[in-house]
Amino acid sequence: MRLPHKNGDAGQAFPIYITVVGGLLFLAFAYFAVGQAAANRNDAQTAADAAALAAAQDRREKLADALMRSVNDPTAWAEIFAGYVPGIGPSCWRSYQLAAQNDATAFCTPNGPLSFRVDVITNKTVGESIVPGTETKRSRAEAIAVIEPRCEIKLPTENVLGLLTCEGKEWELNPEAPEEPLPEPEDLFDVHLAD
């Protein structure tokens, strides 16, 4: 007994197979392009966050140094905790340094005495993909870092030394014995990214 022969059916599946495989390859390349762009954008955000935090931490160190130099001048303490210190050096240089270490270029702007805004552009492009124009696209990101005082100040009186209370811990600021253990910069100020 002979099986019936179906003419014309044998070659119809091949074009469908080619179309499906071509579509899947296109989707794979498209997902790869999206992944490239997302990775580059993530690199930019990481560089912006690190650069903004670096500038704020540098300012925190300078404010802490100013406080230690002003142990004998309690009238300056409140101004220091508000970020107003005459002659304090710029801190944006740290953001430029950190951005360069993350293969990016930073643009830093003090956002008041206790905050820094950093805009970053990556040095690397997204790269070549099936999406035209990505070979010249660079990712951009921004971050704002904030310095917040952690301490309350109690100014000295005739018989009582000045007192800093930082997160529940107390330090007496004794002008007669400035070598006594004093708070570290991270005890005095918190540095974090703005939401």
N, C-alpha and C. Protein backbone atom coordinates (compact mmCIF):
# COMPACT_ATOMS: atom_id res chain seq x y z
N MET A 1 0.83 -1.16 0.00
CA MET A 1 0.00 0.00 0.00
C MET A 1 0.88 1.24 0.00
N ARG A 2 0.55 2.14 -0.84
CA ARG A 2 1.35 3.35 -0.98
C ARG A 2 0.70 4.49 -0.22
N LEU A 3 1.57 5.30 0.47
CA LEU A 3 1.08 6.49 1.16
C LEU A 3 0.87 7.59 0.14
N PRO A 4 -0.16 8.37 0.36
CA PRO A 4 -0.38 9.46 -0.60
C PRO A 4 0.74 10.48 -0.53
N HIS A 5 1.16 10.97 -1.63
CA HIS A 5 2.25 11.95 -1.71
C HIS A 5 1.66 13.35 -1.73
N LYS A 6 2.17 14.21 -0.78
CA LYS A 6 1.66 15.59 -0.71
C LYS A 6 2.64 16.51 -1.40
N ASN A 7 2.30 16.92 -2.55
CA ASN A 7 3.17 17.82 -3.30
C ASN A 7 3.03 19.26 -2.77
N GLY A 8 4.17 19.96 -2.61
CA GLY A 8 4.15 21.37 -2.27
C GLY A 8 4.18 21.66 -0.77
N ASP A 9 3.90 20.68 0.09
CA ASP A 9 3.88 20.94 1.53
C ASP A 9 5.27 20.90 2.14
N ALA A 10 6.16 20.17 1.55
CA ALA A 10 7.48 19.95 2.15
C ALA A 10 8.29 21.23 2.29
N GLY A 11 8.19 22.17 1.41
CA GLY A 11 9.01 23.37 1.45
C GLY A 11 8.38 24.57 2.12
N GLN A 12 7.14 24.47 2.61
CA GLN A 12 6.46 25.63 3.18
C GLN A 12 6.95 25.98 4.59
N ALA A 13 7.44 25.05 5.34
CA ALA A 13 7.88 25.32 6.71
C ALA A 13 9.21 26.08 6.73
N PHE A 14 10.03 25.89 5.73
CA PHE A 14 11.36 26.52 5.74
C PHE A 14 11.29 28.05 5.74
N PRO A 15 10.50 28.71 4.91
CA PRO A 15 10.43 30.17 4.96
C PRO A 15 9.90 30.68 6.31
N ILE A 16 8.96 29.97 6.90
CA ILE A 16 8.45 30.37 8.22
C ILE A 16 9.57 30.25 9.25
N TYR A 17 10.32 29.17 9.18
CA TYR A 17 11.44 28.95 10.09
C TYR A 17 12.46 30.09 9.95
N ILE A 18 12.81 30.44 8.74
CA ILE A 18 13.77 31.52 8.48
C ILE A 18 13.24 32.83 9.04
N THR A 19 11.97 33.12 8.82
CA THR A 19 11.37 34.37 9.32
C THR A 19 11.41 34.42 10.85
N VAL A 20 11.05 33.32 11.49
CA VAL A 20 11.05 33.27 12.96
C VAL A 20 12.47 33.44 13.50
N VAL A 21 13.43 32.75 12.94
CA VAL A 21 14.82 32.86 13.39
C VAL A 21 15.34 34.28 13.16
N GLY A 22 15.02 34.87 12.02
CA GLY A 22 15.43 36.25 11.74
C GLY A 22 14.84 37.22 12.74
N GLY A 23 13.55 37.04 13.06
CA GLY A 23 12.91 37.89 14.06
C GLY A 23 13.53 37.74 15.42
N LEU A 24 13.83 36.52 15.81
CA LEU A 24 14.47 36.28 17.12
C LEU A 24 15.87 36.89 17.18
N LEU A 25 16.61 36.80 16.08
CA LEU A 25 17.94 37.42 16.05
C LEU A 25 17.83 38.94 16.16
N PHE A 26 16.85 39.50 15.45
CA PHE A 26 16.65 40.95 15.55
C PHE A 26 16.33 41.35 16.98
N LEU A 27 15.43 40.62 17.63
CA LEU A 27 15.10 40.91 19.03
C LEU A 27 16.31 40.77 19.94
N ALA A 28 17.13 39.75 19.70
CA ALA A 28 18.33 39.56 20.52
C ALA A 28 19.27 40.75 20.37
N PHE A 29 19.47 41.21 19.13
CA PHE A 29 20.34 42.38 18.91
C PHE A 29 19.74 43.64 19.53
N ALA A 30 18.41 43.77 19.45
CA ALA A 30 17.75 44.94 20.04
C ALA A 30 17.92 44.92 21.56
N TYR A 31 17.73 43.76 22.18
CA TYR A 31 17.92 43.65 23.64
C TYR A 31 19.37 43.93 24.01
N PHE A 32 20.29 43.49 23.19
CA PHE A 32 21.70 43.75 23.45
C PHE A 32 21.98 45.25 23.40
N ALA A 33 21.38 45.94 22.43
CA ALA A 33 21.57 47.40 22.31
C ALA A 33 20.99 48.11 23.54
N VAL A 34 19.82 47.68 23.98
CA VAL A 34 19.21 48.26 25.17
C VAL A 34 20.10 48.00 26.39
N GLY A 35 20.65 46.79 26.46
CA GLY A 35 21.55 46.44 27.57
C GLY A 35 22.80 47.29 27.57
N GLN A 36 23.36 47.52 26.38
CA GLN A 36 24.54 48.39 26.27
C GLN A 36 24.23 49.79 26.79
N ALA A 37 23.09 50.33 26.37
CA ALA A 37 22.71 51.68 26.78
C ALA A 37 22.46 51.74 28.28
N ALA A 38 21.80 50.71 28.83
CA ALA A 38 21.52 50.69 30.27
C ALA A 38 22.82 50.59 31.07
N ALA A 39 23.75 49.78 30.60
CA ALA A 39 25.03 49.64 31.30
C ALA A 39 25.80 50.96 31.29
N ASN A 40 25.79 51.63 30.15
CA ASN A 40 26.48 52.92 30.04
C ASN A 40 25.81 53.96 30.93
N ARG A 41 24.49 53.95 30.98
CA ARG A 41 23.75 54.88 31.84
C ARG A 41 24.04 54.59 33.31
N ASN A 42 24.12 53.32 33.65
CA ASN A 42 24.45 52.93 35.02
C ASN A 42 25.85 53.40 35.41
N ASP A 43 26.79 53.28 34.48
CA ASP A 43 28.15 53.79 34.72
C ASP A 43 28.13 55.29 34.98
N ALA A 44 27.32 56.01 34.22
CA ALA A 44 27.23 57.46 34.40
C ALA A 44 26.65 57.80 35.77
N GLN A 45 25.61 57.08 36.19
CA GLN A 45 24.99 57.37 37.49
C GLN A 45 25.95 57.04 38.63
N THR A 46 26.67 55.95 38.50
CA THR A 46 27.66 55.59 39.51
C THR A 46 28.73 56.67 39.63
N ALA A 47 29.20 57.15 38.48
CA ALA A 47 30.22 58.21 38.49
C ALA A 47 29.67 59.49 39.10
N ALA A 48 28.42 59.84 38.79
CA ALA A 48 27.82 61.06 39.35
C ALA A 48 27.66 60.95 40.86
N ASP A 49 27.17 59.80 41.33
CA ASP A 49 26.99 59.60 42.77
C ASP A 49 28.32 59.69 43.51
N ALA A 50 29.33 58.99 42.98
CA ALA A 50 30.65 59.00 43.63
C ALA A 50 31.26 60.39 43.63
N ALA A 51 31.11 61.11 42.53
CA ALA A 51 31.69 62.45 42.42
C ALA A 51 31.02 63.43 43.38
N ALA A 52 29.69 63.38 43.47
CA ALA A 52 28.97 64.28 44.38
C ALA A 52 29.34 63.98 45.83
N LEU A 53 29.39 62.71 46.19
CA LEU A 53 29.76 62.33 47.55
C LEU A 53 31.19 62.75 47.88
N ALA A 54 32.08 62.63 46.91
CA ALA A 54 33.48 63.00 47.14
C ALA A 54 33.61 64.49 47.44
N ALA A 55 32.90 65.32 46.70
CA ALA A 55 32.94 66.77 46.95
C ALA A 55 32.39 67.09 48.33
N ALA A 56 31.26 66.46 48.69
CA ALA A 56 30.66 66.71 50.00
C ALA A 56 31.56 66.22 51.13
N GLN A 57 32.22 65.09 50.95
CA GLN A 57 33.11 64.58 51.99
C GLN A 57 34.33 65.48 52.16
N ASP A 58 34.82 66.01 51.06
CA ASP A 58 35.94 66.95 51.16
C ASP A 58 35.51 68.20 51.94
N ARG A 59 34.31 68.71 51.67
CA ARG A 59 33.81 69.87 52.41
C ARG A 59 33.62 69.52 53.89
N ARG A 60 33.14 68.31 54.16
CA ARG A 60 32.96 67.89 55.55
C ARG A 60 34.29 67.90 56.30
N GLU A 61 35.34 67.41 55.66
CA GLU A 61 36.67 67.42 56.29
C GLU A 61 37.11 68.85 56.60
N LYS A 62 36.87 69.74 55.68
CA LYS A 62 37.28 71.14 55.88
C LYS A 62 36.47 71.80 56.98
N LEU A 63 35.19 71.49 57.07
CA LEU A 63 34.37 72.05 58.14
C LEU A 63 34.81 71.50 59.50
N ALA A 64 35.13 70.23 59.56
CA ALA A 64 35.60 69.64 60.82
C ALA A 64 36.93 70.26 61.24
N ASP A 65 37.83 70.47 60.27
CA ASP A 65 39.10 71.14 60.59
C ASP A 65 38.86 72.55 61.11
N ALA A 66 37.92 73.26 60.48
CA ALA A 66 37.61 74.63 60.91
C ALA A 66 37.07 74.62 62.34
N LEU A 67 36.27 73.63 62.69
CA LEU A 67 35.74 73.54 64.05
C LEU A 67 36.87 73.29 65.05
N MET A 68 37.78 72.40 64.70
CA MET A 68 38.89 72.10 65.61
C MET A 68 39.79 73.33 65.80
N ARG A 69 39.93 74.13 64.75
CA ARG A 69 40.74 75.35 64.86
C ARG A 69 40.00 76.43 65.65
N SER A 70 38.68 76.29 65.78
CA SER A 70 37.86 77.32 66.44
C SER A 70 37.39 76.91 67.83
N VAL A 71 38.07 75.95 68.43
CA VAL A 71 37.68 75.52 69.78
C VAL A 71 37.70 76.72 70.72
N ASN A 72 38.62 77.64 70.52
CA ASN A 72 38.73 78.83 71.38
C ASN A 72 37.73 79.93 71.02
N ASP A 73 36.99 79.76 69.95
CA ASP A 73 36.05 80.80 69.50
C ASP A 73 34.64 80.23 69.34
N PRO A 74 33.93 80.04 70.45
CA PRO A 74 32.59 79.42 70.38
C PRO A 74 31.60 80.19 69.52
N THR A 75 31.84 81.47 69.31
CA THR A 75 30.91 82.25 68.48
C THR A 75 30.94 81.77 67.03
N ALA A 76 31.99 81.08 66.61
CA ALA A 76 32.11 80.61 65.22
C ALA A 76 31.47 79.24 65.02
N TRP A 77 31.15 78.52 66.09
CA TRP A 77 30.69 77.14 65.96
C TRP A 77 29.40 77.01 65.14
N ALA A 78 28.42 77.84 65.44
CA ALA A 78 27.14 77.74 64.72
C ALA A 78 27.32 78.01 63.23
N GLU A 79 28.16 78.98 62.92
CA GLU A 79 28.41 79.29 61.49
C GLU A 79 29.09 78.12 60.79
N ILE A 80 30.00 77.45 61.49
CA ILE A 80 30.69 76.31 60.90
C ILE A 80 29.69 75.20 60.61
N PHE A 81 28.79 74.92 61.57
CA PHE A 81 27.79 73.87 61.34
C PHE A 81 26.79 74.25 60.26
N ALA A 82 26.66 75.53 59.98
CA ALA A 82 25.80 75.97 58.88
C ALA A 82 26.56 75.99 57.55
N GLY A 83 27.87 75.72 57.60
CA GLY A 83 28.68 75.65 56.38
C GLY A 83 29.35 76.94 55.99
N TYR A 84 29.22 77.97 56.82
CA TYR A 84 29.79 79.27 56.46
C TYR A 84 31.13 79.45 57.18
N VAL A 85 32.20 79.21 56.45
CA VAL A 85 33.55 79.37 56.98
C VAL A 85 34.31 80.26 56.01
N PRO A 86 34.72 81.44 56.46
CA PRO A 86 35.48 82.32 55.57
C PRO A 86 36.78 81.65 55.13
N GLY A 87 37.06 81.77 53.85
CA GLY A 87 38.32 81.27 53.32
C GLY A 87 38.40 79.77 53.12
N ILE A 88 37.28 79.06 53.29
CA ILE A 88 37.32 77.61 53.08
C ILE A 88 37.55 77.33 51.59
N GLY A 89 38.42 76.39 51.32
CA GLY A 89 38.78 76.10 49.92
C GLY A 89 37.67 75.37 49.18
N PRO A 90 37.73 75.38 47.86
CA PRO A 90 36.72 74.69 47.06
C PRO A 90 36.84 73.17 47.21
N SER A 91 35.77 72.49 46.99
CA SER A 91 35.75 71.02 47.13
C SER A 91 35.41 70.30 45.84
N CYS A 92 35.05 71.03 44.80
CA CYS A 92 34.65 70.38 43.55
C CYS A 92 35.79 69.59 42.90
N TRP A 93 37.02 69.93 43.22
CA TRP A 93 38.15 69.21 42.62
C TRP A 93 38.06 67.71 42.90
N ARG A 94 37.51 67.34 44.07
CA ARG A 94 37.37 65.91 44.40
C ARG A 94 36.37 65.25 43.46
N SER A 95 35.32 65.98 43.07
CA SER A 95 34.34 65.38 42.16
C SER A 95 34.95 65.13 40.80
N TYR A 96 35.80 66.06 40.35
CA TYR A 96 36.47 65.87 39.06
C TYR A 96 37.39 64.65 39.11
N GLN A 97 38.08 64.50 40.23
CA GLN A 97 39.01 63.38 40.40
C GLN A 97 38.26 62.04 40.38
N LEU A 98 37.16 61.96 41.15
CA LEU A 98 36.39 60.71 41.21
C LEU A 98 35.72 60.39 39.89
N ALA A 99 35.23 61.39 39.19
CA ALA A 99 34.61 61.15 37.89
C ALA A 99 35.64 60.61 36.90
N ALA A 100 36.84 61.18 36.93
CA ALA A 100 37.90 60.69 36.03
C ALA A 100 38.25 59.24 36.33
N GLN A 101 38.25 58.87 37.62
CA GLN A 101 38.53 57.47 37.98
C GLN A 101 37.42 56.54 37.48
N ASN A 102 36.23 57.08 37.28
CA ASN A 102 35.11 56.29 36.76
C ASN A 102 34.91 56.50 35.26
N ASP A 103 35.95 57.01 34.58
CA ASP A 103 35.96 57.20 33.13
C ASP A 103 34.81 58.11 32.67
N ALA A 104 34.69 59.26 33.38
CA ALA A 104 33.65 60.23 33.05
C ALA A 104 34.19 61.63 33.29
N THR A 105 33.45 62.61 32.83
CA THR A 105 33.78 64.02 33.04
C THR A 105 32.68 64.64 33.88
N ALA A 106 33.08 65.36 34.94
CA ALA A 106 32.10 65.95 35.87
C ALA A 106 32.03 67.45 35.72
N PHE A 107 30.86 67.98 36.02
CA PHE A 107 30.61 69.41 36.12
C PHE A 107 29.98 69.62 37.50
N CYS A 108 30.72 70.25 38.39
CA CYS A 108 30.30 70.37 39.79
C CYS A 108 29.88 71.79 40.12
N THR A 109 28.81 71.91 40.88
CA THR A 109 28.31 73.22 41.30
C THR A 109 27.94 73.15 42.78
N PRO A 110 28.53 74.01 43.61
CA PRO A 110 28.05 74.07 45.00
C PRO A 110 26.58 74.50 45.00
N ASN A 111 25.79 73.79 45.75
CA ASN A 111 24.36 74.03 45.82
C ASN A 111 24.05 74.62 47.19
N GLY A 112 24.72 75.72 47.53
CA GLY A 112 24.66 76.25 48.88
C GLY A 112 25.89 75.77 49.64
N PRO A 113 26.02 76.15 50.91
CA PRO A 113 27.24 75.80 51.63
C PRO A 113 27.34 74.32 52.02
N LEU A 114 26.20 73.60 52.03
CA LEU A 114 26.21 72.21 52.49
C LEU A 114 25.65 71.23 51.45
N SER A 115 25.84 71.54 50.18
CA SER A 115 25.32 70.65 49.15
C SER A 115 26.09 70.86 47.85
N PHE A 116 26.22 69.77 47.08
CA PHE A 116 26.89 69.82 45.78
C PHE A 116 26.05 69.09 44.75
N ARG A 117 25.92 69.71 43.59
CA ARG A 117 25.28 69.06 42.44
C ARG A 117 26.37 68.74 41.44
N VAL A 118 26.37 67.50 40.96
CA VAL A 118 27.37 67.07 39.98
C VAL A 118 26.64 66.47 38.78
N ASP A 119 26.95 66.99 37.59
CA ASP A 119 26.47 66.44 36.33
C ASP A 119 27.64 65.73 35.68
N VAL A 120 27.39 64.55 35.17
CA VAL A 120 28.47 63.71 34.62
C VAL A 120 28.10 63.27 33.22
N ILE A 121 29.12 63.18 32.38
CA ILE A 121 28.96 62.59 31.05
C ILE A 121 30.06 61.54 30.89
N THR A 122 29.70 60.37 30.41
CA THR A 122 30.69 59.29 30.28
C THR A 122 31.66 59.60 29.14
N ASN A 123 32.88 59.13 29.31
CA ASN A 123 33.87 59.29 28.24
C ASN A 123 33.66 58.25 27.14
N LYS A 124 33.13 57.09 27.53
CA LYS A 124 32.87 56.03 26.55
C LYS A 124 31.47 56.21 25.96
N THR A 125 31.34 55.84 24.70
CA THR A 125 30.03 55.89 24.05
C THR A 125 29.28 54.59 24.32
N VAL A 126 28.02 54.58 23.96
CA VAL A 126 27.22 53.37 24.11
C VAL A 126 27.80 52.25 23.26
N GLY A 127 28.33 52.58 22.09
CA GLY A 127 28.94 51.58 21.22
C GLY A 127 28.06 51.28 20.02
N GLU A 128 28.59 50.51 19.11
CA GLU A 128 27.86 50.18 17.88
C GLU A 128 26.80 49.14 18.17
N SER A 129 25.66 49.31 17.54
CA SER A 129 24.57 48.34 17.67
C SER A 129 23.67 48.48 16.44
N ILE A 130 22.57 47.74 16.45
CA ILE A 130 21.65 47.84 15.32
C ILE A 130 20.87 49.14 15.34
N VAL A 131 20.92 49.85 16.47
CA VAL A 131 20.25 51.15 16.57
C VAL A 131 21.20 52.21 16.03
N PRO A 132 20.83 52.92 14.98
CA PRO A 132 21.74 53.90 14.39
C PRO A 132 22.01 55.06 15.35
N GLY A 133 23.26 55.53 15.35
CA GLY A 133 23.63 56.70 16.13
C GLY A 133 24.17 56.40 17.51
N THR A 134 24.10 55.15 17.97
CA THR A 134 24.57 54.84 19.33
C THR A 134 26.09 54.91 19.45
N GLU A 135 26.77 54.78 18.31
CA GLU A 135 28.23 54.78 18.38
C GLU A 135 28.81 56.12 18.84
N THR A 136 28.02 57.18 18.83
CA THR A 136 28.51 58.48 19.29
C THR A 136 27.79 58.98 20.55
N LYS A 137 26.82 58.22 21.03
CA LYS A 137 26.03 58.65 22.20
C LYS A 137 26.78 58.37 23.50
N ARG A 138 26.83 59.38 24.36
CA ARG A 138 27.41 59.25 25.69
C ARG A 138 26.27 59.41 26.70
N SER A 139 26.41 58.72 27.81
CA SER A 139 25.36 58.80 28.83
C SER A 139 25.63 59.95 29.78
N ARG A 140 24.54 60.52 30.28
CA ARG A 140 24.61 61.63 31.24
C ARG A 140 23.85 61.24 32.49
N ALA A 141 24.29 61.79 33.62
CA ALA A 141 23.59 61.57 34.89
C ALA A 141 23.90 62.73 35.81
N GLU A 142 23.08 62.86 36.84
CA GLU A 142 23.31 63.91 37.83
C GLU A 142 23.10 63.34 39.22
N ALA A 143 23.73 63.97 40.19
CA ALA A 143 23.56 63.57 41.59
C ALA A 143 23.75 64.80 42.47
N ILE A 144 23.06 64.81 43.58
CA ILE A 144 23.20 65.88 44.57
C ILE A 144 23.57 65.24 45.89
N ALA A 145 24.66 65.69 46.48
CA ALA A 145 25.09 65.22 47.80
C ALA A 145 24.86 66.32 48.81
N VAL A 146 24.43 65.93 50.00
CA VAL A 146 24.06 66.86 51.05
C VAL A 146 24.88 66.56 52.30
N ILE A 147 25.29 67.63 52.98
CA ILE A 147 25.99 67.51 54.25
C ILE A 147 25.01 67.97 55.34
N GLU A 148 24.78 67.11 56.32
CA GLU A 148 23.86 67.47 57.40
C GLU A 148 24.58 67.43 58.74
N PRO A 149 24.52 68.51 59.51
CA PRO A 149 25.12 68.49 60.84
C PRO A 149 24.43 67.46 61.73
N ARG A 150 25.23 66.77 62.54
CA ARG A 150 24.70 65.76 63.45
C ARG A 150 24.68 66.24 64.90
N CYS A 151 25.11 67.47 65.13
CA CYS A 151 25.36 67.91 66.50
C CYS A 151 24.50 69.09 66.91
N GLU A 152 24.27 69.15 68.21
CA GLU A 152 23.68 70.32 68.83
C GLU A 152 24.78 70.99 69.63
N ILE A 153 24.76 72.31 69.67
CA ILE A 153 25.82 73.08 70.32
C ILE A 153 25.27 73.70 71.60
N LYS A 154 26.05 73.56 72.66
CA LYS A 154 25.77 74.29 73.90
C LYS A 154 26.99 75.16 74.17
N LEU A 155 26.81 76.45 74.02
CA LEU A 155 27.94 77.37 74.16
C LEU A 155 28.44 77.41 75.60
N PRO A 156 29.73 77.67 75.78
CA PRO A 156 30.27 77.71 77.14
C PRO A 156 29.76 78.93 77.90
N THR A 157 29.75 78.77 79.21
CA THR A 157 29.46 79.89 80.11
C THR A 157 30.69 80.05 81.00
N GLU A 158 30.60 80.88 82.01
CA GLU A 158 31.77 81.13 82.87
C GLU A 158 32.31 79.87 83.51
N ASN A 159 31.43 79.00 83.97
CA ASN A 159 31.88 77.82 84.71
C ASN A 159 31.72 76.51 83.94
N VAL A 160 31.14 76.57 82.74
CA VAL A 160 30.84 75.34 82.00
C VAL A 160 31.51 75.40 80.64
N LEU A 161 32.15 74.28 80.25
CA LEU A 161 32.78 74.19 78.94
C LEU A 161 31.72 74.09 77.85
N GLY A 162 32.12 74.44 76.64
CA GLY A 162 31.23 74.25 75.49
C GLY A 162 30.98 72.77 75.29
N LEU A 163 29.80 72.43 74.80
CA LEU A 163 29.42 71.03 74.68
C LEU A 163 28.81 70.77 73.31
N LEU A 164 29.30 69.71 72.67
CA LEU A 164 28.71 69.22 71.43
C LEU A 164 28.00 67.91 71.74
N THR A 165 26.75 67.80 71.36
CA THR A 165 26.04 66.54 71.50
C THR A 165 25.71 66.06 70.10
N CYS A 166 26.37 64.97 69.71
CA CYS A 166 26.25 64.46 68.34
C CYS A 166 25.68 63.04 68.40
N GLU A 167 24.44 62.90 67.96
CA GLU A 167 23.79 61.59 67.95
C GLU A 167 23.84 60.94 69.34
N GLY A 168 23.63 61.72 70.37
CA GLY A 168 23.60 61.21 71.74
C GLY A 168 24.94 61.17 72.44
N LYS A 169 26.04 61.34 71.72
CA LYS A 169 27.37 61.33 72.33
C LYS A 169 27.80 62.76 72.59
N GLU A 170 28.42 62.99 73.77
CA GLU A 170 28.80 64.34 74.16
C GLU A 170 30.32 64.51 74.13
N TRP A 171 30.72 65.69 73.64
CA TRP A 171 32.12 66.09 73.67
C TRP A 171 32.21 67.47 74.28
N GLU A 172 33.07 67.61 75.28
CA GLU A 172 33.34 68.93 75.84
C GLU A 172 34.48 69.55 75.05
N LEU A 173 34.27 70.76 74.60
CA LEU A 173 35.31 71.46 73.84
C LEU A 173 36.07 72.35 74.81
N ASN A 174 37.23 71.90 75.21
CA ASN A 174 38.02 72.59 76.23
C ASN A 174 39.15 73.35 75.56
N PRO A 175 39.10 74.69 75.54
CA PRO A 175 40.17 75.46 74.91
C PRO A 175 41.51 75.29 75.62
N GLU A 176 41.46 74.92 76.90
CA GLU A 176 42.70 74.74 77.66
C GLU A 176 43.38 73.43 77.32
N ALA A 177 42.63 72.47 76.81
CA ALA A 177 43.20 71.15 76.49
C ALA A 177 42.71 70.70 75.13
N PRO A 178 43.12 71.40 74.07
CA PRO A 178 42.62 71.05 72.72
C PRO A 178 43.11 69.70 72.23
N GLU A 179 44.08 69.10 72.94
CA GLU A 179 44.58 67.80 72.50
C GLU A 179 43.68 66.66 72.94
N GLU A 180 42.70 66.95 73.78
CA GLU A 180 41.77 65.89 74.20
C GLU A 180 41.07 65.31 72.97
N PRO A 181 40.64 64.05 73.06
CA PRO A 181 39.96 63.44 71.90
C PRO A 181 38.75 64.27 71.47
N LEU A 182 38.72 64.59 70.22
CA LEU A 182 37.64 65.39 69.65
C LEU A 182 36.91 64.55 68.61
N PRO A 183 35.69 64.92 68.28
CA PRO A 183 34.94 64.11 67.30
C PRO A 183 35.59 64.10 65.93
N GLU A 184 35.39 62.99 65.24
CA GLU A 184 35.84 62.85 63.85
C GLU A 184 34.84 63.57 62.93
N PRO A 185 35.26 63.88 61.71
CA PRO A 185 34.33 64.55 60.78
C PRO A 185 33.00 63.81 60.60
N GLU A 186 33.07 62.46 60.54
CA GLU A 186 31.83 61.69 60.36
C GLU A 186 30.95 61.71 61.61
N ASP A 187 31.53 62.07 62.78
CA ASP A 187 30.71 62.26 63.98
C ASP A 187 29.96 63.59 63.93
N LEU A 188 30.57 64.56 63.28
CA LEU A 188 30.01 65.92 63.23
C LEU A 188 28.98 66.11 62.13
N PHE A 189 29.24 65.49 60.99
CA PHE A 189 28.39 65.72 59.80
C PHE A 189 28.08 64.40 59.11
N ASP A 190 26.86 64.27 58.62
CA ASP A 190 26.47 63.15 57.80
C ASP A 190 26.51 63.59 56.34
N VAL A 191 27.00 62.72 55.48
CA VAL A 191 27.03 63.01 54.05
C VAL A 191 26.22 61.93 53.34
N HIS A 192 25.27 62.34 52.51
CA HIS A 192 24.45 61.36 51.78
C HIS A 192 23.93 62.01 50.51
N LEU A 193 23.45 61.14 49.63
CA LEU A 193 22.85 61.62 48.38
C LEU A 193 21.43 62.09 48.66
N ALA A 194 21.04 63.17 48.01
CA ALA A 194 19.67 63.67 48.15
C ALA A 194 18.72 62.74 47.43
N ASP A 195 17.52 62.62 47.95
CA ASP A 195 16.51 61.75 47.31
C ASP A 195 15.95 62.40 46.08
